[in-house]
């Protein structure tokens, strides 16, 4: 990919189609910066029981970064969105690996695309995007799962009808309820495209194989996130959920960032312990106790860590 010839094409239901170079984006539009978590919709899939197909992620399919770019709204306004627009279609530079594989294309409702928070990013943590992170530009849809964060963004098409594509109509869909929950024997008949991240918190340390000792202080730490309002509280239990205590929260980097948390624990005696963590966001939404869906998506159950103290 040659930056001298690369162009972002903006077309469709607009008054003035655009063909923008990276330099155009950097010089002709107001820059914006925010910290936002990018997370796979199937993060933590391997923890669902019964097991579901797909990449068997643990908790590692996510990354928090500071993104810099321009508002998608400003680019759309420059193109002049016409009345009657309902969605924006988004394609990247990548092409299907096999002839029968549908090209990856996502869409955003026009109101989401023009809310002033979705950005076309050209920097990550103060440096140009790396190829693996979407060089030269990528979409950042803060608070939504990364299936919408199209890498190598090359085409924006304003649509008068909803986009009909495998990646919206068949893939990345969840049961149509607030918990994204269904039963293996009674699958939901109605599904909707996944979008906003759910409230979730995880342990980063200790590792399950760490050797903890009775009477010796250790640190419990992790991260928590949601998709809309930011994390207000994280609680930890050392006795399988019978009693809970507040963890100390790290700096607030914005409502779309993850929030670090930590607490100290001194195991009182040898034996087996179940550690648990749960988060609450600023709107009062808390993690759930049970959840399963066929895609292994949008995990938001209270996580646990079984430890043996020597």
Protein backbone atom coordinates (compact mmCIF):
# COMPACT_ATOMS: atom_id res chain seq x y z
CA UNK A 1 0.00 0.00 0.00
CA UNK A 2 1.52 3.29 -1.17
CA UNK A 3 0.55 6.44 0.75
CA UNK A 4 1.19 8.47 -2.40
CA UNK A 5 -1.73 6.78 -4.14
CA UNK A 6 -3.93 5.74 -1.21
CA UNK A 7 -7.34 7.41 -1.13
CA UNK A 8 -10.36 7.13 1.13
CA UNK A 9 -13.39 7.20 -1.16
CA UNK A 10 -16.59 8.74 0.20
CA UNK A 11 -19.59 8.20 -2.08
CA UNK A 12 -23.21 7.16 -2.31
CA UNK A 13 -26.13 9.34 -1.22
CA UNK A 14 -24.09 12.56 -0.95
CA UNK A 15 -23.88 15.86 -2.83
CA UNK A 16 -20.10 15.86 -3.22
CA UNK A 17 -18.20 12.55 -3.43
CA UNK A 18 -14.72 12.79 -1.89
CA UNK A 19 -11.38 11.16 -2.57
CA UNK A 20 -9.15 11.89 0.44
CA UNK A 21 -5.47 11.19 0.93
CA UNK A 22 -4.00 10.63 4.37
CA UNK A 23 -2.56 14.14 4.13
CA UNK A 24 -6.05 15.51 3.40
CA UNK A 25 -7.42 13.89 6.54
CA UNK A 26 -4.57 15.27 8.62
CA UNK A 27 -4.71 18.81 7.26
CA UNK A 28 -8.30 19.57 6.26
CA UNK A 29 -10.20 18.33 9.31
CA UNK A 30 -10.07 19.09 13.02
CA UNK A 31 -8.10 16.38 14.86
CA UNK A 32 -9.64 14.57 17.80
CA UNK A 33 -8.10 12.21 20.36
CA UNK A 34 -9.66 9.74 22.78
CA UNK A 35 -8.80 6.62 24.76
CA UNK A 36 -10.94 3.65 23.77
CA UNK A 37 -10.92 -0.10 24.24
CA UNK A 38 -10.88 -2.31 21.15
CA UNK A 39 -12.32 -5.72 21.99
CA UNK A 40 -13.25 -8.76 19.96
CA UNK A 41 -16.96 -9.60 20.19
CA UNK A 42 -15.88 -13.16 21.03
CA UNK A 43 -13.40 -12.24 23.76
CA UNK A 44 -13.46 -14.90 26.54
CA UNK A 45 -15.41 -17.31 24.29
CA UNK A 46 -13.55 -20.34 25.64
CA UNK A 47 -15.14 -19.75 29.07
CA UNK A 48 -18.70 -20.39 27.82
CA UNK A 49 -20.21 -23.73 28.91
CA UNK A 50 -21.24 -25.72 26.98
CA UNK A 51 -18.46 -24.90 24.56
CA UNK A 52 -19.30 -23.03 21.37
CA UNK A 53 -17.41 -23.03 18.05
CA UNK A 54 -15.07 -20.24 16.99
CA UNK A 55 -11.71 -18.91 18.12
CA UNK A 56 -11.24 -20.13 21.67
CA UNK A 57 -10.20 -16.82 23.18
CA UNK A 58 -9.32 -16.39 26.82
CA UNK A 59 -9.48 -12.83 28.10
CA UNK A 60 -6.77 -11.46 25.83
CA UNK A 61 -8.64 -10.35 22.71
CA UNK A 62 -8.65 -6.67 23.62
CA UNK A 63 -6.39 -3.65 23.82
CA UNK A 64 -6.70 -0.14 25.22
CA UNK A 65 -5.11 2.76 23.35
CA UNK A 66 -5.23 6.47 22.65
CA UNK A 67 -6.49 7.05 19.13
CA UNK A 68 -6.06 10.23 17.11
CA UNK A 69 -7.87 11.08 13.90
CA UNK A 70 -10.86 12.98 12.57
CA UNK A 71 -14.56 12.71 13.26
CA UNK A 72 -16.47 10.56 10.79
CA UNK A 73 -19.21 13.17 11.11
CA UNK A 74 -16.92 15.91 9.77
CA UNK A 75 -15.99 13.83 6.73
CA UNK A 76 -19.63 13.01 6.03
CA UNK A 77 -20.58 16.66 6.43
CA UNK A 78 -17.90 17.63 3.92
CA UNK A 79 -19.44 15.18 1.45
CA UNK A 80 -22.93 16.52 2.12
CA UNK A 81 -25.21 13.70 3.27
CA UNK A 82 -28.55 13.92 1.49
CA UNK A 83 -31.97 13.48 3.14
CA UNK A 84 -33.10 9.87 3.23
CA UNK A 85 -29.73 8.37 4.23
CA UNK A 86 -30.15 5.47 6.67
CA UNK A 87 -26.73 3.82 6.97
CA UNK A 88 -23.06 4.17 6.16
CA UNK A 89 -21.32 1.16 4.57
CA UNK A 90 -17.65 0.60 5.42
CA UNK A 91 -14.98 -1.40 3.57
CA UNK A 92 -11.26 -1.86 4.09
CA UNK A 93 -8.33 -2.60 1.82
CA UNK A 94 -8.37 -6.33 2.59
CA UNK A 95 -9.97 -8.70 0.13
CA UNK A 96 -11.44 -12.20 0.65
CA UNK A 97 -8.93 -15.08 0.83
CA UNK A 98 -11.16 -17.36 -1.30
CA UNK A 99 -13.54 -16.67 -4.20
CA UNK A 100 -16.67 -17.69 -2.28
CA UNK A 101 -15.79 -15.76 0.87
CA UNK A 102 -17.92 -12.61 1.14
CA UNK A 103 -15.96 -9.37 1.32
CA UNK A 104 -15.84 -7.91 4.80
CA UNK A 105 -18.18 -4.94 5.01
CA UNK A 106 -19.96 -3.42 7.99
CA UNK A 107 -22.49 -0.66 8.39
CA UNK A 108 -23.44 1.94 10.95
CA UNK A 109 -26.81 3.62 11.31
CA UNK A 110 -26.52 7.17 10.03
CA UNK A 111 -27.17 8.64 13.49
CA UNK A 112 -24.32 6.61 14.99
CA UNK A 113 -22.01 7.53 12.14
CA UNK A 114 -22.77 11.22 12.70
CA UNK A 115 -22.78 11.34 16.51
CA UNK A 116 -19.37 13.03 16.64
CA UNK A 117 -17.71 10.21 18.59
CA UNK A 118 -16.88 7.75 15.80
CA UNK A 119 -13.48 8.67 14.38
CA UNK A 120 -11.26 7.80 11.43
CA UNK A 121 -7.97 7.19 13.22
CA UNK A 122 -4.49 7.60 11.75
CA UNK A 123 -2.49 7.44 15.01
CA UNK A 124 -2.37 5.01 17.91
CA UNK A 125 -0.57 5.99 21.14
CA UNK A 126 1.11 8.93 19.43
CA UNK A 127 2.50 7.01 16.45
CA UNK A 128 1.22 6.15 12.95
CA UNK A 129 -0.92 3.04 12.88
CA UNK A 130 1.03 -0.20 12.55
CA UNK A 131 -0.04 -2.51 9.73
CA UNK A 132 -1.53 -4.97 12.23
CA UNK A 133 -3.55 -2.16 13.81
CA UNK A 134 -5.09 -0.90 10.57
CA UNK A 135 -2.54 1.18 8.65
CA UNK A 136 -2.99 3.73 7.22
CA UNK A 137 -6.40 4.56 8.73
CA UNK A 138 -9.05 2.65 10.61
CA UNK A 139 -12.46 3.29 12.04
CA UNK A 140 -12.78 3.64 15.81
CA UNK A 141 -16.31 3.12 17.11
CA UNK A 142 -15.88 3.77 20.85
CA UNK A 143 -17.97 1.59 23.12
CA UNK A 144 -18.78 -0.92 20.38
CA UNK A 145 -17.10 -4.24 19.69
CA UNK A 146 -14.22 -4.17 17.24
CA UNK A 147 -16.11 -5.95 14.47
CA UNK A 148 -17.10 -2.40 13.46
CA UNK A 149 -13.56 -0.99 13.73
CA UNK A 150 -12.74 -1.57 10.06
CA UNK A 151 -8.97 -1.65 9.44
CA UNK A 152 -7.32 -0.17 6.37
CA UNK A 153 -10.49 1.85 5.83
CA UNK A 154 -10.78 2.63 2.12
CA UNK A 155 -14.46 3.15 1.30
CA UNK A 156 -17.37 4.93 2.97
CA UNK A 157 -20.72 4.67 1.18
CA UNK A 158 -23.79 6.56 2.37
CA UNK A 159 -26.80 4.29 1.86
CA UNK A 160 -30.53 4.86 1.37
CA UNK A 161 -31.29 1.22 2.26
CA UNK A 162 -29.83 -1.02 5.00
CA UNK A 163 -26.69 -2.85 3.92
CA UNK A 164 -27.34 -6.49 3.03
CA UNK A 165 -24.19 -8.51 3.65
CA UNK A 166 -23.16 -11.74 5.36
CA UNK A 167 -21.27 -9.79 8.03
CA UNK A 168 -24.40 -7.91 9.11
CA UNK A 169 -27.19 -10.38 8.32
CA UNK A 170 -25.59 -13.69 9.35
CA UNK A 171 -22.42 -13.13 11.36
CA UNK A 172 -21.84 -11.28 14.63
CA UNK A 173 -25.40 -11.59 15.87
CA UNK A 174 -26.75 -12.15 19.37
CA UNK A 175 -30.13 -13.03 20.92
CA UNK A 176 -32.47 -10.04 20.99
CA UNK A 177 -32.41 -9.40 24.74
CA UNK A 178 -30.40 -7.21 27.11
CA UNK A 179 -28.26 -10.08 28.44
CA UNK A 180 -27.46 -11.65 25.03
CA UNK A 181 -28.64 -14.88 26.62
CA UNK A 182 -30.28 -18.07 25.33
CA UNK A 183 -30.37 -21.75 26.21
CA UNK A 184 -28.56 -24.44 24.20
CA UNK A 185 -31.79 -26.45 23.92
CA UNK A 186 -33.93 -23.37 23.13
CA UNK A 187 -32.07 -21.06 20.80
CA UNK A 188 -33.52 -17.61 20.35
CA UNK A 189 -35.57 -17.26 17.16
CA UNK A 190 -34.72 -13.56 16.87
CA UNK A 191 -31.16 -12.23 16.70
CA UNK A 192 -29.72 -8.76 16.18
CA UNK A 193 -26.28 -7.47 15.20
CA UNK A 194 -23.97 -7.15 18.17
CA UNK A 195 -22.83 -3.62 18.90
CA UNK A 196 -22.32 -2.06 22.36
CA UNK A 197 -19.88 -3.68 24.79
CA UNK A 198 -21.30 -5.11 27.99
CA UNK A 199 -20.07 -4.52 31.54
CA UNK A 200 -17.22 -6.91 32.29
CA UNK A 201 -14.26 -7.24 34.64
CA UNK A 202 -11.46 -9.78 34.72
CA UNK A 203 -8.45 -10.85 36.75
CA UNK A 204 -5.04 -10.08 35.28
CA UNK A 205 -3.14 -11.26 38.36
CA UNK A 206 -2.55 -13.60 39.99
CA UNK A 207 -2.29 -16.25 37.31
CA UNK A 208 -4.16 -19.50 37.98
CA UNK A 209 -0.86 -21.36 38.39
CA UNK A 210 0.70 -18.91 40.86
CA UNK A 211 1.68 -20.25 44.27
CA UNK A 212 0.10 -18.21 47.05
CA UNK A 213 1.04 -18.73 50.67
CA UNK A 214 -1.04 -18.44 53.80
CA UNK A 215 -0.32 -15.26 55.76
CA UNK A 216 1.55 -13.67 52.84
CA UNK A 217 0.07 -10.58 51.22
CA UNK A 218 -0.55 -10.70 47.48
CA UNK A 219 -2.02 -8.26 44.97
CA UNK A 220 -5.19 -8.97 43.04
CA UNK A 221 -5.50 -6.83 39.93
CA UNK A 222 -7.34 -6.60 36.67
CA UNK A 223 -9.33 -4.43 34.27
CA UNK A 224 -12.99 -3.56 33.88
CA UNK A 225 -14.95 -1.96 31.06
CA UNK A 226 -18.38 -1.18 29.74
CA UNK A 227 -19.58 0.40 26.51
CA UNK A 228 -21.39 3.59 27.35
CA UNK A 229 -20.87 5.31 30.70
CA UNK A 230 -17.60 4.19 32.31
CA UNK A 231 -16.83 2.02 35.33
CA UNK A 232 -18.03 3.30 38.71
CA UNK A 233 -17.18 0.38 41.00
CA UNK A 234 -15.33 -2.94 41.09
CA UNK A 235 -15.86 -5.44 43.89
CA UNK A 236 -13.86 -8.54 44.76
CA UNK A 237 -14.83 -11.63 46.75
CA UNK A 238 -12.33 -14.05 48.25
CA UNK A 239 -14.91 -16.61 49.46
CA UNK A 240 -16.86 -17.56 46.37
CA UNK A 241 -19.25 -14.64 46.45
CA UNK A 242 -20.44 -14.69 50.05
CA UNK A 243 -18.80 -11.36 50.92
CA UNK A 244 -17.65 -8.53 48.66
CA UNK A 245 -15.27 -5.62 49.17
CA UNK A 246 -14.45 -2.63 46.99
CA UNK A 247 -11.28 -2.65 44.93
CA UNK A 248 -9.23 0.50 44.32
CA UNK A 249 -9.81 1.95 40.86
CA UNK A 250 -7.04 3.31 38.66
CA UNK A 251 -7.16 6.62 36.78
CA UNK A 252 -10.29 7.47 34.81
CA UNK A 253 -9.11 7.82 31.20
CA UNK A 254 -12.60 8.37 29.80
CA UNK A 255 -15.82 6.42 29.58
CA UNK A 256 -14.63 4.36 26.60
CA UNK A 257 -11.37 3.27 28.24
CA UNK A 258 -10.95 0.22 30.42
CA UNK A 259 -10.43 0.94 34.13
CA UNK A 260 -7.63 -0.69 36.07
CA UNK A 261 -8.46 -2.06 39.51
CA UNK A 262 -6.45 -3.60 42.36
CA UNK A 263 -6.73 -4.80 45.93
CA UNK A 264 -4.53 -6.58 48.46
CA UNK A 265 -5.38 -9.97 49.93
CA UNK A 266 -3.68 -11.99 52.65
CA UNK A 267 -4.91 -15.62 52.56
CA UNK A 268 -5.72 -16.55 56.15
CA UNK A 269 -5.01 -20.27 55.85
CA UNK A 270 -4.01 -23.03 53.49
CA UNK A 271 -6.67 -24.45 51.20
CA UNK A 272 -8.69 -23.76 48.10
CA UNK A 273 -10.26 -20.38 47.45
CA UNK A 274 -12.57 -19.06 44.76
CA UNK A 275 -11.81 -15.43 43.94
CA UNK A 276 -14.51 -13.46 42.11
CA UNK A 277 -14.74 -10.00 40.57
CA UNK A 278 -17.72 -7.91 39.44
CA UNK A 279 -18.00 -4.42 38.00
CA UNK A 280 -20.73 -1.78 38.00
CA UNK A 281 -20.85 1.04 35.47
CA UNK A 282 -21.93 4.64 35.99
CA UNK A 283 -25.49 3.84 34.90
CA UNK A 284 -25.82 1.11 37.55
CA UNK A 285 -25.47 -1.87 35.19
CA UNK A 286 -23.69 -4.83 36.80
CA UNK A 287 -22.28 -8.12 35.56
CA UNK A 288 -24.66 -11.09 35.48
CA UNK A 289 -24.38 -14.47 37.13
CA UNK A 290 -25.40 -16.64 34.14
CA UNK A 291 -25.04 -16.26 30.39
CA UNK A 292 -24.72 -18.39 27.28
CA UNK A 293 -25.26 -17.83 23.58
CA UNK A 294 -24.41 -19.85 20.47
CA UNK A 295 -21.80 -17.35 19.21
CA UNK A 296 -19.90 -16.98 22.47
CA UNK A 297 -20.37 -13.21 22.23
CA UNK A 298 -20.59 -10.27 24.60
CA UNK A 299 -19.54 -12.11 27.74
CA UNK A 300 -20.58 -10.28 30.88
CA UNK A 301 -20.77 -12.90 33.63
CA UNK A 302 -19.08 -12.51 37.01
CA UNK A 303 -15.64 -14.08 36.54
CA UNK A 304 -13.89 -16.32 39.04
CA UNK A 305 -10.40 -17.59 39.69
CA UNK A 306 -9.78 -20.79 41.64
CA UNK A 307 -6.56 -20.67 43.67
CA UNK A 308 -4.76 -23.08 45.98
CA UNK A 309 -3.00 -21.50 48.94
CA UNK A 310 0.00 -23.41 50.31
